[in-house]
Amino acid sequence: MIIHIVLFKWQPDISAETITSVMSALKGMKGKVPEIIDLSCGNNFSELSQGFHNALVVQFKDKTALDAYAKNAHHQEIIKTLIKPILADKITIDYEV
């Protein structure tokens, strides 16, 4: 199994409503991207966050499924239209369990 983690840092002055829209779109991928086994995302409340506001955790069967997800048109549309316009920084971690 592959675990895919993304930490998001947004540009200053991004509204809570905009972030909620992004999180809703990410959650909606579970039913639309067939390679996803499980998905969760939410707001970071840790005081050790180093400015990262939200996290996404996705589980896949294998690296082939992760690659297919990365290229999926619905996933790419969310990145292009919702994430990139407000993104300041991100960290991505993928590991096998």
Protein backbone atom coordinates (compact mmCIF):
# COMPACT_ATOMS: atom_id res chain seq x y z
CA MET A 1 0.00 0.00 0.00
CA ILE A 2 1.15 3.53 -0.79
CA ILE A 3 0.48 6.51 1.48
CA HIS A 4 0.52 9.92 -0.22
CA ILE A 5 0.67 12.99 2.05
CA VAL A 6 0.53 16.61 0.95
CA LEU A 7 0.91 19.59 3.30
CA PHE A 8 -0.40 22.91 1.97
CA LYS A 9 0.67 26.45 2.85
CA TRP A 10 -1.64 29.08 1.35
CA GLN A 11 -0.88 32.62 0.31
CA PRO A 12 -1.63 35.28 2.95
CA ASP A 13 -5.19 36.61 3.17
CA ILE A 14 -6.87 33.57 1.58
CA SER A 15 -10.40 33.32 2.96
CA ALA A 16 -11.63 30.41 5.04
CA GLU A 17 -14.37 29.88 2.45
CA THR A 18 -11.81 29.45 -0.32
CA ILE A 19 -9.88 26.90 1.72
CA THR A 20 -13.11 25.07 2.54
CA SER A 21 -13.85 24.87 -1.20
CA VAL A 22 -10.44 23.34 -1.87
CA MET A 23 -10.86 20.79 0.92
CA SER A 24 -14.34 19.87 -0.35
CA ALA A 25 -13.01 19.36 -3.87
CA LEU A 26 -10.19 17.17 -2.57
CA LYS A 27 -12.61 15.08 -0.49
CA GLY A 28 -14.81 14.69 -3.58
CA MET A 29 -12.01 12.94 -5.45
CA LYS A 30 -12.67 9.70 -3.52
CA GLY A 31 -15.72 8.88 -5.59
CA LYS A 32 -14.32 10.19 -8.86
CA VAL A 33 -10.74 8.87 -8.99
CA PRO A 34 -10.92 5.07 -9.06
CA GLU A 35 -7.36 4.46 -7.80
CA ILE A 36 -8.11 6.03 -4.40
CA ILE A 37 -8.62 3.46 -1.64
CA ASP A 38 -9.08 6.03 1.12
CA LEU A 39 -8.73 9.79 1.43
CA SER A 40 -8.84 12.31 4.26
CA CYS A 41 -7.97 15.97 4.51
CA GLY A 42 -8.43 18.78 6.96
CA ASN A 43 -7.20 21.84 8.78
CA ASN A 44 -3.92 21.70 10.68
CA PHE A 45 -4.25 22.81 14.29
CA SER A 46 -0.72 21.93 15.44
CA GLU A 47 1.42 24.66 16.92
CA LEU A 48 4.38 22.94 15.23
CA SER A 49 2.96 23.41 11.71
CA GLN A 50 5.65 25.78 10.39
CA GLY A 51 2.88 27.67 8.61
CA PHE A 52 1.30 24.73 6.79
CA HIS A 53 -2.47 25.10 6.95
CA ASN A 54 -3.97 21.87 5.58
CA ALA A 55 -3.08 18.25 4.93
CA LEU A 56 -4.23 15.60 2.47
CA VAL A 57 -3.64 11.86 3.02
CA VAL A 58 -4.50 9.37 0.27
CA GLN A 59 -4.04 5.59 0.17
CA PHE A 60 -3.36 3.62 -3.02
CA LYS A 61 -2.85 -0.06 -3.81
CA ASP A 62 0.57 0.47 -5.38
CA LYS A 63 2.86 2.91 -7.19
CA THR A 64 1.03 2.32 -10.47
CA ALA A 65 -2.20 3.54 -8.86
CA LEU A 66 -0.38 6.60 -7.46
CA ASP A 67 0.95 7.40 -10.94
CA ALA A 68 -2.53 7.07 -12.45
CA TYR A 69 -3.95 9.38 -9.76
CA ALA A 70 -1.25 11.95 -10.47
CA LYS A 71 -2.29 12.04 -14.14
CA ASN A 72 -6.05 11.83 -13.55
CA ALA A 73 -7.91 14.66 -15.30
CA HIS A 74 -10.19 15.41 -12.33
CA HIS A 75 -7.21 15.60 -9.96
CA GLN A 76 -5.29 17.83 -12.39
CA GLU A 77 -8.29 20.16 -12.74
CA ILE A 78 -8.45 20.67 -8.96
CA ILE A 79 -4.74 21.47 -8.89
CA LYS A 80 -4.96 23.89 -11.82
CA THR A 81 -8.13 25.77 -10.87
CA LEU A 82 -8.28 25.65 -7.07
CA ILE A 83 -4.88 24.89 -5.56
CA LYS A 84 -2.24 26.58 -7.73
CA PRO A 85 -3.90 30.03 -7.68
CA ILE A 86 -3.68 30.21 -3.86
CA LEU A 87 -0.68 28.00 -3.08
CA ALA A 88 2.37 29.46 -1.35
CA ASP A 89 4.20 26.19 -0.66
CA LYS A 90 3.65 22.45 -0.33
CA ILE A 91 5.40 19.34 0.87
CA THR A 92 4.63 15.95 -0.63
CA ILE A 93 5.60 12.64 0.95
CA ASP A 94 4.96 9.20 -0.52
CA TYR A 95 5.85 5.97 1.26
CA GLU A 96 5.05 2.27 1.09
CA VAL A 97 3.59 0.28 3.98
